[in-house]
């Protein structure tokens, strides 16, 4: 769905470009990179183009707090779990 533009270590903030689809508050993301490995996060709050938002779409840049180190160029994927009801 996007890529990491920057990670600000002192602020522990991720800056991401949404390249396809959309993101909503409380969505789960996987951030994957060759050196980074796999980082999973639930995005409970974020800024869209420097303003508080609950959704973002293709072309938007978002920023959110992330305690784990990620790197510019890492790929960002929307992660959804599909639960099947037991019969």
Protein backbone atom coordinates (compact mmCIF):
# COMPACT_ATOMS: atom_id res chain seq x y z
CA UNK A 1 0.00 0.00 0.00
CA UNK A 2 2.95 2.32 0.42
CA UNK A 3 6.55 2.94 1.36
CA UNK A 4 8.52 4.49 4.18
CA UNK A 5 9.77 7.97 3.32
CA UNK A 6 11.62 8.56 6.60
CA UNK A 7 11.96 7.49 10.22
CA UNK A 8 12.76 10.10 12.84
CA UNK A 9 14.63 8.27 15.61
CA UNK A 10 14.53 11.00 18.28
CA UNK A 11 10.79 11.53 17.85
CA UNK A 12 10.16 7.82 17.13
CA UNK A 13 7.96 8.81 14.20
CA UNK A 14 7.37 7.04 10.88
CA UNK A 15 6.65 9.06 7.73
CA UNK A 16 4.89 7.00 5.05
CA UNK A 17 3.52 7.63 1.55
CA UNK A 18 0.25 5.85 0.69
CA UNK A 19 0.73 4.59 -2.89
CA UNK A 20 -2.48 2.55 -3.26
CA UNK A 21 -5.68 1.82 -1.39
CA UNK A 22 -6.64 3.54 1.82
CA UNK A 23 -5.83 3.43 5.53
CA UNK A 24 -8.26 3.83 8.40
CA UNK A 25 -7.72 4.41 12.09
CA UNK A 26 -6.96 1.12 13.93
CA UNK A 27 -5.85 -0.70 10.75
CA UNK A 28 -2.93 -3.12 11.08
CA UNK A 29 0.18 -2.53 8.99
CA UNK A 30 3.16 -4.71 8.17
CA UNK A 31 6.38 -2.84 7.40
CA UNK A 32 8.92 -5.04 5.66
CA UNK A 33 12.49 -4.30 4.66
CA UNK A 34 15.65 -6.22 3.89
CA UNK A 35 17.45 -4.88 6.97
CA UNK A 36 14.36 -4.02 9.02
CA UNK A 37 12.73 -7.46 8.87
CA UNK A 38 9.01 -7.40 9.65
CA UNK A 39 7.35 -4.85 11.94
CA UNK A 40 3.64 -5.14 12.74
CA UNK A 41 1.70 -2.17 14.12
CA UNK A 42 -1.91 -1.16 14.75
CA UNK A 43 -2.20 2.49 13.71
CA UNK A 44 -4.47 3.93 16.37
CA UNK A 45 -3.75 7.57 15.53
CA UNK A 46 -1.88 9.39 12.79
CA UNK A 47 -1.40 12.66 10.99
CA UNK A 48 -2.37 12.96 7.32
CA UNK A 49 -0.48 15.70 5.52
CA UNK A 50 0.40 17.15 8.98
CA UNK A 51 -3.19 17.21 10.32
CA UNK A 52 -4.92 14.73 12.65
CA UNK A 53 -7.00 12.26 10.63
CA UNK A 54 -8.91 8.98 10.83
CA UNK A 55 -8.35 7.94 7.19
CA UNK A 56 -5.85 8.41 4.37
CA UNK A 57 -5.87 7.58 0.65
CA UNK A 58 -3.51 7.17 -2.27
CA UNK A 59 -1.17 10.16 -2.51
CA UNK A 60 -1.44 11.11 1.18
CA UNK A 61 1.56 11.20 3.47
CA UNK A 62 1.00 9.96 7.02
CA UNK A 63 3.06 10.21 10.19
CA UNK A 64 2.62 8.15 13.35
CA UNK A 65 4.54 7.12 16.46
CA UNK A 66 6.50 3.88 16.07
CA UNK A 67 8.99 2.63 18.65
CA UNK A 68 10.68 0.14 16.31
CA UNK A 69 13.34 1.25 13.84
CA UNK A 70 12.27 1.20 10.19
CA UNK A 71 14.11 2.52 7.16
CA UNK A 72 13.36 4.68 4.12
CA UNK A 73 12.29 2.47 1.22
CA UNK A 74 10.73 -0.24 3.42
CA UNK A 75 7.45 -1.49 1.98
CA UNK A 76 4.17 -0.98 3.85
CA UNK A 77 1.31 -3.47 3.60
CA UNK A 78 -2.23 -3.36 4.97
CA UNK A 79 -2.75 -6.49 7.06
CA UNK A 80 -6.28 -7.84 7.52
CA UNK A 81 -7.27 -11.00 9.31
CA UNK A 82 -10.31 -12.83 8.03
CA UNK A 83 -12.08 -14.84 10.68
CA UNK A 84 -14.36 -17.72 9.78
CA UNK A 85 -17.21 -18.57 12.09
CA UNK A 86 -17.30 -22.08 13.44
CA UNK A 87 -20.41 -24.02 12.46
